[in-house]
Amino acid sequence: MPTEAELITLRSEKRDQLLRKADPYPSRVERTHTTAEAIAAFQAAGEPDPDETTSDPITVTVVGRVIRQRVMGKAAFLDIRDGSGKLQLHYRRDVLGDTFDDLKLIDLGDFLETSGMLFRTRTGEVTLTVVSWRVISKSLRPLPEKWHGLSDVELRYRQRYLDLIANERSREIAVTRTKILRAIREFYYQHDFLEVETPVLQTEAGGAAARPFETHHNALNRDLALRISLELHLKRLLVGGLERVFEIGRVFRNEGISTHHNPEFTLLESYESYADYEDVALMVRDLIQYVARETIGTLQIVQSDGTVVDLENGWERTTYREALLKETGIDYVEHPQREDIIAVSKAHGVPVPDGASWASVLDNLMSNLVEPTFVQPTFIFDYPTALSPLAKRKDDDAEIVERFELFVLGYEVANAYSELNDPIDQRERMQEQAKKVASGDEEVEIADEDFLLALEHGMPPAGGLGVGIDRLVQLITGEPSIREVLLFPAMRGQLNETTPLPSDRTPPNSTNDADKTVSPSVLNEGDED
């Protein structure tokens, strides 16, 4: 079997031959139908009467990538795929004449423009009899060896374009993600929210307790950070009188990578004036149910391991205190000492970062022992004030705030508050956060003086919501890893070992690699009659 370098050299030679005939990279193409539209048009016209000689055949021009090829003397069958689906092409020497011989210049991965008439083969497949055709993009590298999918997971993520070519599931996830984003927007538009945009580069990366990525603006000669949240700028808009706003945007957190974490991810945040966290809880349930119905048509979502998430009858409620007490025996309301929480953590094998505050140790215990137990949709309400510097205190307890988080399959999907709108209280809490920074805690809420200035002009009572879009896509698609729902996930560095394009074009001892880059089982499927 030829090496990759030999195949590339051969394809480059074919490119040169095509260039001598016509440009194999034209600027424009003529397409009358997608492959799906062509098949639909043929089926809508009905089967032609074999005794009827005056009926006009369905004539179309389609474009797409060659994914299967087989030449048999005076005839050939090719399959092409476009964004809508697949169509079989039938080439005949008696129809095409000398251009039939140019099929030897075609390889898997090339893009073609093809015109002809549709018919149905004896085995029932709608097929195009080719009348004219041309190459519209010549590929110089062979496709993945097995058309039915890549087995190298690292390669799938690093070269997602190959994954999308080879794996139907990857294309399906990408399409579903787009449908989810569209459904989210439709939901908010139906509820009279305005979609807005806020800065990605910020002087203070506030709105969450996370470490930012930092950069420098040369023209302004100032340090800036990539945003870690959308919150503080969206709440400025509430101050300005926009009562219902939402944004879907990328945020950046300088943290680790896992099946549920990527340093760059998509976040939905919405803020509604004159609402509280109970109103938001009802809204997020309605939102997720709406998205599921619109994208996959069911509220019973089967995960890759067979677990069924019930988005219709689930939605349990508990409190932070109750959940922690049930799983660990810790009742933080009774003010156990930091050492007591550390002892429980160590007894359960939960690591405790050096210098972590009482609240951080408590929440670390919660993250490791409690949250993973929530498989069906579960709201955890009423968090400790020390963990929620931007949330409003409950009327009857200054140590608890009106906050909830939504967990499904053991991970957080949504976070919401009754938003703190008292500028004095907000400043005091941010000052408390600053003390944590001084003691070495890097993941705290940073004081933003411009936001505090805005708050001093008056912000109405409001309910705010944040939803991790990538995790929501994981839930809807049933994928256990965030990398599967990100087209380009963060990857560790790797040297580029790609075979370079040849400097000379001497063909190897091979005439055609068309059938050598896919498995025999794929080559033999479909119609060849």
Protein backbone atom coordinates (compact mmCIF):
# COMPACT_ATOMS: atom_id res chain seq x y z
CA MET A 1 0.00 0.00 0.00
CA PRO A 2 1.38 3.47 -0.86
CA THR A 3 2.60 5.69 1.97
CA GLU A 4 0.89 8.96 2.78
CA ALA A 5 3.71 10.84 1.07
CA GLU A 6 3.27 8.77 -2.08
CA LEU A 7 -0.48 9.35 -2.09
CA ILE A 8 0.03 13.09 -1.69
CA THR A 9 2.52 13.11 -4.56
CA LEU A 10 0.09 11.19 -6.77
CA ARG A 11 -2.79 13.54 -5.95
CA SER A 12 -0.57 16.53 -6.68
CA GLU A 13 0.19 15.03 -10.10
CA LYS A 14 -3.54 14.67 -10.74
CA ARG A 15 -4.03 18.29 -9.77
CA ASP A 16 -1.47 19.31 -12.39
CA GLN A 17 -3.26 17.26 -15.03
CA LEU A 18 -6.57 18.85 -14.11
CA LEU A 19 -5.03 22.30 -14.31
CA ARG A 20 -4.04 21.63 -17.90
CA LYS A 21 -7.72 20.94 -18.69
CA ALA A 22 -9.52 23.51 -16.53
CA ASP A 23 -9.24 25.19 -13.15
CA PRO A 24 -10.06 22.54 -10.48
CA TYR A 25 -10.70 25.38 -7.99
CA PRO A 26 -13.31 27.57 -9.74
CA SER A 27 -14.68 30.66 -8.04
CA ARG A 28 -18.30 29.84 -8.83
CA VAL A 29 -20.45 26.75 -9.04
CA GLU A 30 -23.91 26.10 -10.45
CA ARG A 31 -26.16 24.23 -8.02
CA THR A 32 -29.87 23.84 -8.56
CA HIS A 33 -30.55 21.40 -5.70
CA THR A 34 -28.94 20.04 -2.57
CA THR A 35 -28.72 16.25 -2.58
CA ALA A 36 -31.69 16.07 -0.21
CA GLU A 37 -33.71 18.46 -2.39
CA ALA A 38 -32.87 16.43 -5.50
CA ILE A 39 -34.10 13.20 -3.93
CA ALA A 40 -37.21 14.95 -2.58
CA ALA A 41 -37.98 16.44 -6.01
CA PHE A 42 -37.72 13.01 -7.63
CA GLN A 43 -39.95 11.41 -5.02
CA ALA A 44 -42.50 14.23 -5.24
CA ALA A 45 -42.74 13.82 -9.01
CA GLY A 46 -43.74 10.19 -8.59
CA GLU A 47 -42.38 7.16 -10.38
CA PRO A 48 -42.41 7.62 -14.19
CA ASP A 49 -44.65 5.37 -16.24
CA PRO A 50 -42.38 3.04 -18.26
CA ASP A 51 -44.88 3.16 -21.15
CA GLU A 52 -44.93 6.96 -21.19
CA THR A 53 -42.37 8.41 -23.63
CA THR A 54 -43.26 12.09 -23.30
CA SER A 55 -42.66 12.54 -19.55
CA ASP A 56 -39.71 14.79 -18.72
CA PRO A 57 -37.04 13.41 -16.38
CA ILE A 58 -36.01 15.34 -13.28
CA THR A 59 -32.82 17.24 -14.20
CA VAL A 60 -30.61 18.69 -11.46
CA THR A 61 -27.14 20.04 -10.77
CA VAL A 62 -25.64 19.01 -7.43
CA VAL A 63 -22.31 19.54 -5.70
CA GLY A 64 -20.53 17.63 -2.95
CA ARG A 65 -17.53 15.68 -1.73
CA VAL A 66 -16.72 12.25 -3.15
CA ILE A 67 -17.03 9.72 -0.34
CA ARG A 68 -17.18 6.52 -2.39
CA GLN A 69 -15.89 5.56 -5.81
CA ARG A 70 -15.90 2.49 -8.01
CA VAL A 71 -15.05 2.26 -11.70
CA MET A 72 -16.16 -0.81 -13.65
CA GLY A 73 -15.08 -0.69 -17.28
CA LYS A 74 -17.59 1.46 -19.14
CA ALA A 75 -19.50 2.58 -16.04
CA ALA A 76 -18.73 4.00 -12.62
CA PHE A 77 -20.61 4.71 -9.40
CA LEU A 78 -19.64 7.57 -7.09
CA ASP A 79 -21.31 8.83 -3.92
CA ILE A 80 -21.13 12.50 -3.04
CA ARG A 81 -22.10 14.13 0.24
CA ASP A 82 -23.12 17.72 0.86
CA GLY A 83 -24.50 19.37 3.98
CA SER A 84 -27.93 17.82 3.47
CA GLY A 85 -27.07 14.20 2.75
CA LYS A 86 -25.73 11.74 0.17
CA LEU A 87 -26.52 11.03 -3.49
CA GLN A 88 -25.29 8.24 -5.77
CA LEU A 89 -23.93 9.25 -9.19
CA HIS A 90 -23.87 6.96 -12.25
CA TYR A 91 -21.21 7.68 -14.90
CA ARG A 92 -21.45 5.99 -18.33
CA ARG A 93 -18.87 6.12 -21.13
CA ASP A 94 -21.56 6.11 -23.82
CA VAL A 95 -23.05 9.28 -22.29
CA LEU A 96 -19.88 11.15 -21.31
CA GLY A 97 -17.49 10.19 -24.09
CA ASP A 98 -13.87 11.20 -23.47
CA THR A 99 -14.67 12.95 -20.17
CA PHE A 100 -15.36 9.51 -18.71
CA ASP A 101 -11.61 8.84 -18.79
CA ASP A 102 -11.01 11.85 -16.53
CA LEU A 103 -12.51 9.85 -13.65
CA LYS A 104 -9.00 8.44 -13.13
CA LEU A 105 -8.06 11.89 -11.82
CA ILE A 106 -10.72 11.77 -9.10
CA ASP A 107 -9.98 10.70 -5.51
CA LEU A 108 -11.99 10.33 -2.35
CA GLY A 109 -12.32 13.78 -0.80
CA ASP A 110 -12.57 15.73 -4.08
CA PHE A 111 -15.51 18.06 -4.61
CA LEU A 112 -17.55 17.74 -7.81
CA GLU A 113 -20.26 19.66 -9.62
CA THR A 114 -22.49 17.22 -11.47
CA SER A 115 -25.50 17.64 -13.74
CA GLY A 116 -27.85 14.97 -14.98
CA MET A 117 -31.16 13.16 -14.73
CA LEU A 118 -32.54 11.29 -11.75
CA PHE A 119 -33.74 7.70 -11.82
CA ARG A 120 -34.20 4.84 -9.39
CA THR A 121 -31.96 1.77 -9.56
CA ARG A 122 -33.26 -1.79 -9.40
CA THR A 123 -32.42 -1.87 -5.70
CA GLY A 124 -34.45 1.28 -5.08
CA GLU A 125 -31.76 3.96 -4.66
CA VAL A 126 -32.39 7.38 -6.23
CA THR A 127 -29.40 7.98 -8.50
CA LEU A 128 -28.18 10.67 -10.90
CA THR A 129 -27.22 9.72 -14.45
CA VAL A 130 -24.34 12.09 -15.11
CA VAL A 131 -24.51 14.20 -18.28
CA SER A 132 -21.75 16.67 -17.39
CA TRP A 133 -19.38 17.13 -14.49
CA ARG A 134 -16.27 18.96 -13.30
CA VAL A 135 -13.92 19.11 -10.34
CA ILE A 136 -14.51 22.15 -8.13
CA SER A 137 -11.89 21.34 -5.45
CA LYS A 138 -9.10 18.79 -5.72
CA SER A 139 -8.02 17.36 -2.34
CA LEU A 140 -4.30 16.69 -1.91
CA ARG A 141 -4.43 14.55 1.21
CA PRO A 142 -6.21 11.21 1.65
CA LEU A 143 -9.26 10.99 3.88
CA PRO A 144 -9.24 8.94 7.11
CA GLU A 145 -8.57 5.28 6.44
CA LYS A 146 -11.96 4.12 7.64
CA TRP A 147 -14.82 6.21 6.30
CA HIS A 148 -17.16 4.99 9.04
CA GLY A 149 -15.17 6.86 11.68
CA LEU A 150 -11.87 7.83 13.22
CA SER A 151 -10.65 5.68 16.09
CA ASP A 152 -7.95 8.08 17.31
CA VAL A 153 -9.76 10.35 19.79
CA GLU A 154 -6.91 12.87 19.94
CA LEU A 155 -6.92 13.13 16.14
CA ARG A 156 -10.68 13.65 16.14
CA TYR A 157 -10.37 16.66 18.43
CA ARG A 158 -7.20 18.13 16.92
CA GLN A 159 -8.39 17.80 13.34
CA ARG A 160 -12.11 18.24 13.78
CA TYR A 161 -12.59 18.74 10.05
CA LEU A 162 -11.56 15.09 9.52
CA ASP A 163 -13.90 14.03 12.30
CA LEU A 164 -16.79 15.88 10.66
CA ILE A 165 -16.00 14.24 7.33
CA ALA A 166 -15.77 10.75 8.79
CA ASN A 167 -18.26 10.65 11.67
CA GLU A 168 -21.95 11.21 11.18
CA ARG A 169 -22.41 11.50 14.96
CA SER A 170 -20.05 14.48 15.12
CA ARG A 171 -22.00 16.24 12.39
CA GLU A 172 -25.24 15.46 14.21
CA ILE A 173 -23.93 17.01 17.45
CA ALA A 174 -22.79 20.14 15.62
CA VAL A 175 -26.23 20.54 14.03
CA THR A 176 -28.00 19.92 17.35
CA ARG A 177 -25.86 22.54 19.08
CA THR A 178 -26.96 25.13 16.52
CA LYS A 179 -30.61 24.14 17.04
CA ILE A 180 -30.17 24.51 20.80
CA LEU A 181 -28.78 28.03 20.45
CA ARG A 182 -31.62 28.96 18.11
CA ALA A 183 -34.22 27.55 20.52
CA ILE A 184 -32.73 29.48 23.44
CA ARG A 185 -32.97 32.72 21.50
CA GLU A 186 -36.52 31.97 20.42
CA PHE A 187 -37.51 31.33 24.04
CA TYR A 188 -36.10 34.66 25.23
CA TYR A 189 -37.56 36.58 22.29
CA GLN A 190 -40.97 35.10 23.11
CA HIS A 191 -40.55 36.42 26.68
CA ASP A 192 -39.65 39.95 25.53
CA PHE A 193 -35.96 39.86 26.41
CA LEU A 194 -33.46 41.98 24.49
CA GLU A 195 -30.33 40.24 23.22
CA VAL A 196 -27.30 42.41 23.90
CA GLU A 197 -23.51 42.28 23.61
CA THR A 198 -21.00 43.24 26.29
CA PRO A 199 -17.19 43.62 26.22
CA VAL A 200 -14.92 40.59 26.07
CA LEU A 201 -11.85 42.64 27.05
CA GLN A 202 -12.37 44.16 30.48
CA THR A 203 -10.38 46.18 32.96
CA GLU A 204 -11.68 44.01 35.79
CA ALA A 205 -12.80 40.43 35.08
CA GLY A 206 -15.66 40.24 37.57
CA GLY A 207 -18.92 38.38 37.97
CA ALA A 208 -17.46 35.04 39.09
CA ALA A 209 -14.79 33.57 41.33
CA ALA A 210 -12.28 32.44 38.71
CA ARG A 211 -8.78 33.22 37.50
CA PRO A 212 -8.80 35.26 34.27
CA PHE A 213 -6.57 35.23 31.23
CA GLU A 214 -4.67 38.51 31.06
CA THR A 215 -3.36 40.50 28.12
CA HIS A 216 -1.99 43.95 27.30
CA HIS A 217 -3.44 46.60 25.00
CA ASN A 218 -0.50 48.27 23.29
CA ALA A 219 -2.27 51.37 21.95
CA LEU A 220 -3.86 52.17 25.31
CA ASN A 221 -0.83 50.87 27.25
CA ARG A 222 -3.01 49.13 29.78
CA ASP A 223 -3.49 45.61 31.07
CA LEU A 224 -6.82 43.95 30.33
CA ALA A 225 -8.43 40.59 31.03
CA LEU A 226 -10.68 38.30 29.02
CA ARG A 227 -14.07 38.19 30.69
CA ILE A 228 -14.90 35.34 33.05
CA SER A 229 -18.59 36.23 33.22
CA LEU A 230 -21.22 38.41 31.55
CA GLU A 231 -22.87 39.50 34.77
CA LEU A 232 -21.60 42.92 35.78
CA HIS A 233 -22.07 44.58 32.41
CA LEU A 234 -25.54 43.10 31.97
CA LYS A 235 -26.58 44.45 35.38
CA ARG A 236 -25.32 47.89 34.32
CA LEU A 237 -28.01 47.69 31.63
CA LEU A 238 -30.68 47.11 34.30
CA VAL A 239 -29.47 50.31 35.94
CA GLY A 240 -29.92 52.01 32.56
CA GLY A 241 -33.55 50.92 32.30
CA LEU A 242 -33.41 47.85 30.07
CA GLU A 243 -35.68 45.58 32.09
CA ARG A 244 -35.06 42.20 30.42
CA VAL A 245 -31.72 41.39 28.81
CA PHE A 246 -29.78 38.27 27.82
CA GLU A 247 -26.50 37.45 26.17
CA ILE A 248 -24.94 34.29 24.76
CA GLY A 249 -21.20 34.75 24.68
CA ARG A 250 -17.78 33.20 25.11
CA VAL A 251 -16.10 33.51 28.49
CA PHE A 252 -12.59 32.50 29.52
CA ARG A 253 -11.33 31.00 32.77
CA ASN A 254 -7.71 30.11 33.38
CA GLU A 255 -8.40 26.73 34.91
CA GLY A 256 -8.06 23.02 34.26
CA ILE A 257 -9.53 20.79 31.57
CA SER A 258 -11.92 17.91 32.29
CA THR A 259 -14.97 16.19 30.85
CA HIS A 260 -17.04 19.17 32.07
CA HIS A 261 -14.51 22.02 31.90
CA ASN A 262 -12.89 23.89 29.04
CA PRO A 263 -11.00 27.15 29.59
CA GLU A 264 -13.04 28.80 26.83
CA PHE A 265 -16.78 28.12 26.90
CA THR A 266 -20.17 29.54 25.95
CA LEU A 267 -22.32 31.10 28.63
CA LEU A 268 -25.93 32.26 28.63
CA GLU A 269 -26.83 34.94 31.15
CA SER A 270 -30.17 36.71 31.53
CA TYR A 271 -31.45 39.35 33.93
CA GLU A 272 -35.06 40.28 34.58
CA SER A 273 -36.07 43.33 36.57
CA TYR A 274 -38.71 42.86 39.30
CA ALA A 275 -38.16 39.09 39.45
CA ASP A 276 -36.50 36.95 42.14
CA TYR A 277 -34.75 33.59 42.20
CA GLU A 278 -38.02 31.68 42.53
CA ASP A 279 -39.24 33.29 39.30
CA VAL A 280 -35.95 32.40 37.64
CA ALA A 281 -36.21 28.77 38.77
CA LEU A 282 -39.55 28.45 37.01
CA MET A 283 -38.12 30.13 33.92
CA VAL A 284 -35.03 27.91 33.66
CA ARG A 285 -37.18 24.80 33.91
CA ASP A 286 -39.44 26.13 31.14
CA LEU A 287 -36.38 27.11 29.09
CA ILE A 288 -34.72 23.70 29.22
CA GLN A 289 -37.98 21.89 28.52
CA TYR A 290 -38.61 24.19 25.54
CA VAL A 291 -35.10 23.60 24.16
CA ALA A 292 -35.43 19.82 24.50
CA ARG A 293 -38.81 19.74 22.75
CA GLU A 294 -37.66 22.00 19.92
CA THR A 295 -34.38 20.20 19.25
CA ILE A 296 -34.94 16.49 19.92
CA GLY A 297 -38.70 16.30 20.43
CA THR A 298 -38.71 14.60 23.83
CA LEU A 299 -38.26 15.32 27.54
CA GLN A 300 -36.87 11.83 28.21
CA ILE A 301 -33.20 12.12 27.30
CA VAL A 302 -31.15 8.95 27.03
CA GLN A 303 -27.48 9.34 27.93
CA SER A 304 -24.59 7.37 26.45
CA ASP A 305 -24.54 5.02 29.47
CA GLY A 306 -28.28 4.33 29.23
CA THR A 307 -29.34 6.71 32.01
CA VAL A 308 -32.64 8.45 31.20
CA VAL A 309 -32.91 12.05 32.38
CA ASP A 310 -36.55 12.99 32.97
CA LEU A 311 -37.02 16.67 32.16
CA GLU A 312 -40.76 16.43 32.65
CA ASN A 313 -41.25 14.86 36.06
CA GLY A 314 -37.92 15.53 37.76
CA TRP A 315 -36.96 18.94 39.12
CA GLU A 316 -36.50 18.08 42.78
CA ARG A 317 -35.74 20.81 45.35
CA THR A 318 -33.47 20.88 48.35
CA THR A 319 -31.30 23.41 50.16
CA TYR A 320 -27.54 23.69 50.43
CA ARG A 321 -27.73 22.97 54.14
CA GLU A 322 -30.01 19.93 53.78
CA ALA A 323 -27.99 18.39 50.95
CA LEU A 324 -24.66 18.83 52.73
CA LEU A 325 -26.01 17.51 56.02
CA LYS A 326 -27.51 14.43 54.36
CA GLU A 327 -24.32 13.38 52.56
CA THR A 328 -21.59 14.49 54.98
CA GLY A 329 -23.14 15.07 58.39
CA ILE A 330 -21.89 18.69 58.34
CA ASP A 331 -24.38 21.33 59.43
CA TYR A 332 -22.62 24.58 58.55
CA VAL A 333 -25.42 26.63 60.14
CA GLU A 334 -24.18 25.42 63.52
CA HIS A 335 -20.85 27.04 62.56
CA PRO A 336 -18.47 24.11 62.69
CA GLN A 337 -14.83 25.06 62.77
CA ARG A 338 -12.80 25.04 59.58
CA GLU A 339 -10.78 22.17 61.05
CA ASP A 340 -13.96 20.10 61.43
CA ILE A 341 -14.77 20.51 57.73
CA ILE A 342 -11.19 19.68 56.79
CA ALA A 343 -11.36 16.51 58.89
CA VAL A 344 -14.56 15.38 57.13
CA SER A 345 -12.97 16.18 53.77
CA LYS A 346 -9.88 14.12 54.50
CA ALA A 347 -11.97 11.26 55.86
CA HIS A 348 -13.71 11.08 52.48
CA GLY A 349 -10.51 11.51 50.49
CA VAL A 350 -11.37 15.03 49.35
CA PRO A 351 -8.22 17.16 48.91
CA VAL A 352 -8.06 20.51 50.70
CA PRO A 353 -6.06 23.30 49.00
CA ASP A 354 -3.54 25.07 51.21
CA GLY A 355 -4.83 28.34 52.60
CA ALA A 356 -8.40 27.74 51.46
CA SER A 357 -11.01 29.74 53.36
CA TRP A 358 -13.80 28.19 55.45
CA ALA A 359 -16.25 28.79 52.62
CA SER A 360 -13.92 27.32 49.99
CA VAL A 361 -13.33 24.15 52.02
CA LEU A 362 -17.09 23.81 52.55
CA ASP A 363 -17.89 24.23 48.88
CA ASN A 364 -15.10 21.86 47.89
CA LEU A 365 -16.73 19.24 50.08
CA MET A 366 -20.06 20.00 48.44
CA SER A 367 -18.59 19.68 44.93
CA ASN A 368 -16.92 16.35 45.56
CA LEU A 369 -19.44 14.50 47.75
CA VAL A 370 -22.87 16.02 47.25
CA GLU A 371 -23.28 17.38 43.73
CA PRO A 372 -22.40 14.08 41.98
CA THR A 373 -25.43 12.44 43.64
CA PHE A 374 -27.93 14.58 41.72
CA VAL A 375 -28.66 12.67 38.51
CA GLN A 376 -32.18 13.92 37.81
CA PRO A 377 -32.75 17.70 37.58
CA THR A 378 -32.37 19.06 41.11
CA PHE A 379 -32.41 22.64 42.42
CA ILE A 380 -30.21 23.43 45.41
CA PHE A 381 -31.49 26.63 47.04
CA ASP A 382 -30.20 29.04 49.69
CA TYR A 383 -26.40 29.19 49.71
CA PRO A 384 -24.10 30.56 52.41
CA THR A 385 -23.55 34.30 52.02
CA ALA A 386 -19.78 33.77 52.05
CA LEU A 387 -20.04 31.83 48.78
CA SER A 388 -22.28 34.31 46.97
CA PRO A 389 -21.04 37.91 47.08
CA LEU A 390 -23.42 39.08 44.33
CA ALA A 391 -26.66 37.57 45.70
CA LYS A 392 -29.27 39.17 47.96
CA ARG A 393 -29.58 37.97 51.55
CA LYS A 394 -32.74 36.22 52.64
CA ASP A 395 -34.99 38.44 54.73
CA ASP A 396 -34.91 36.13 57.74
CA ASP A 397 -31.23 35.11 57.71
CA ALA A 398 -28.21 37.31 56.96
CA GLU A 399 -25.97 34.24 56.58
CA ILE A 400 -27.97 32.82 53.67
CA VAL A 401 -28.58 34.30 50.22
CA GLU A 402 -31.32 33.79 47.65
CA ARG A 403 -29.36 31.67 45.23
CA PHE A 404 -29.93 28.33 43.53
CA GLU A 405 -27.91 26.03 41.33
CA LEU A 406 -29.41 23.41 39.02
CA PHE A 407 -27.67 20.03 38.83
CA VAL A 408 -28.23 17.24 36.33
CA LEU A 409 -26.11 14.10 35.97
CA GLY A 410 -23.95 15.27 38.84
CA TYR A 411 -22.81 18.57 37.34
CA GLU A 412 -23.98 22.16 37.46
CA VAL A 413 -26.06 23.36 34.52
CA ALA A 414 -27.41 26.67 35.86
CA ASN A 415 -26.72 29.23 38.59
CA ALA A 416 -29.10 32.01 39.64
CA TYR A 417 -29.62 34.75 42.24
CA SER A 418 -31.98 37.31 43.50
CA GLU A 419 -29.48 39.99 42.55
CA LEU A 420 -27.93 42.15 45.25
CA ASN A 421 -28.85 45.77 44.50
CA ASP A 422 -27.81 47.48 47.76
CA PRO A 423 -24.61 49.37 46.79
CA ILE A 424 -23.35 49.63 50.40
CA ASP A 425 -23.81 45.92 51.07
CA GLN A 426 -22.24 45.10 47.70
CA ARG A 427 -19.16 47.21 48.42
CA GLU A 428 -18.71 45.63 51.84
CA ARG A 429 -18.89 42.13 50.37
CA MET A 430 -16.39 42.95 47.64
CA GLN A 431 -14.07 44.33 50.29
CA GLU A 432 -14.35 41.00 52.11
CA GLN A 433 -13.39 39.29 48.87
CA ALA A 434 -10.36 41.57 48.59
CA LYS A 435 -9.17 40.32 51.97
CA LYS A 436 -9.21 36.79 50.60
CA VAL A 437 -6.99 37.92 47.73
CA ALA A 438 -4.53 39.34 50.26
CA SER A 439 -4.45 35.97 52.03
CA GLY A 440 -3.58 34.16 48.79
CA ASP A 441 -6.98 33.00 47.50
CA GLU A 442 -6.88 33.64 43.72
CA GLU A 443 -10.42 32.58 42.81
CA VAL A 444 -12.55 35.30 44.39
CA GLU A 445 -14.93 38.01 43.21
CA ILE A 446 -12.87 41.09 42.29
CA ALA A 447 -14.12 44.56 43.22
CA ASP A 448 -15.22 46.51 40.15
CA GLU A 449 -15.43 50.20 41.00
CA ASP A 450 -17.24 51.13 37.81
CA PHE A 451 -19.93 48.54 38.54
CA LEU A 452 -20.27 49.83 42.11
CA LEU A 453 -20.63 53.36 40.73
CA ALA A 454 -23.43 52.18 38.45
CA LEU A 455 -25.13 50.38 41.33
CA GLU A 456 -25.13 53.59 43.36
CA HIS A 457 -27.42 55.12 40.75
CA GLY A 458 -30.04 52.50 41.59
CA MET A 459 -30.73 49.05 40.17
CA PRO A 460 -34.23 47.55 40.40
CA PRO A 461 -34.81 44.22 42.16
CA ALA A 462 -33.92 41.52 39.65
CA GLY A 463 -33.43 37.83 39.10
CA GLY A 464 -30.33 36.71 37.21
CA LEU A 465 -29.47 33.41 35.55
CA GLY A 466 -26.35 31.80 34.11
CA VAL A 467 -26.45 28.60 32.04
CA GLY A 468 -23.41 26.77 30.68
CA ILE A 469 -24.35 26.16 27.04
CA ASP A 470 -21.77 23.42 26.53
CA ARG A 471 -23.09 21.44 29.49
CA LEU A 472 -26.65 21.94 28.29
CA VAL A 473 -25.62 20.56 24.89
CA GLN A 474 -24.03 17.59 26.68
CA LEU A 475 -27.32 16.95 28.45
CA ILE A 476 -29.50 17.24 25.34
CA THR A 477 -27.19 15.12 23.15
CA GLY A 478 -26.37 12.58 25.87
CA GLU A 479 -22.61 13.10 25.50
CA PRO A 480 -20.46 12.48 28.61
CA SER A 481 -17.52 14.68 27.54
CA ILE A 482 -17.54 18.40 26.84
CA ARG A 483 -14.98 17.81 24.10
CA GLU A 484 -17.62 16.05 22.04
CA VAL A 485 -19.86 19.12 21.96
CA LEU A 486 -17.11 21.67 21.30
CA LEU A 487 -15.98 21.84 17.71
CA PHE A 488 -12.51 22.93 18.79
CA PRO A 489 -11.78 21.96 22.41
CA ALA A 490 -8.61 23.05 24.19
CA MET A 491 -5.79 20.55 23.66
CA ARG A 492 -2.34 20.06 25.07
CA GLY A 493 0.48 21.08 22.74
CA GLN A 494 1.79 18.61 20.20
CA LEU A 495 4.47 18.82 17.53
CA ASN A 496 3.15 18.95 13.98
CA GLU A 497 4.18 15.71 12.30
CA THR A 498 2.06 16.15 9.16
CA THR A 499 3.62 14.90 5.94
CA PRO A 500 4.63 17.99 3.92
CA LEU A 501 3.46 18.54 0.38
CA PRO A 502 6.02 17.24 -2.13
CA SER A 503 8.56 19.54 -3.73
CA ASP A 504 8.74 17.33 -6.81
CA ARG A 505 5.77 15.70 -8.49
CA THR A 506 7.20 12.33 -9.56
CA PRO A 507 4.34 9.83 -9.27
CA PRO A 508 4.96 6.71 -7.18
CA ASN A 509 4.42 3.24 -8.61
CA SER A 510 0.69 3.54 -8.27
CA THR A 511 -2.05 4.73 -10.58
CA ASN A 512 -5.00 5.50 -8.34
CA ASP A 513 -5.44 5.68 -4.57
CA ALA A 514 -9.18 6.12 -4.78
CA ASP A 515 -10.03 2.74 -3.28
CA LYS A 516 -7.12 2.54 -0.84
CA THR A 517 -8.29 5.01 1.78
CA VAL A 518 -11.49 3.30 2.86
CA SER A 519 -12.38 -0.12 4.14
CA PRO A 520 -13.61 -2.77 1.63
CA SER A 521 -16.95 -3.01 3.39
CA VAL A 522 -17.61 0.65 2.59
CA LEU A 523 -16.53 0.27 -1.03
CA ASN A 524 -19.01 -2.51 -1.62
CA GLU A 525 -22.07 -0.85 -0.15
CA GLY A 526 -24.81 0.76 -2.24
CA ASP A 527 -25.96 0.22 -5.82
CA GLU A 528 -23.74 -0.72 -8.73
CA ASP A 529 -26.27 -1.89 -11.28
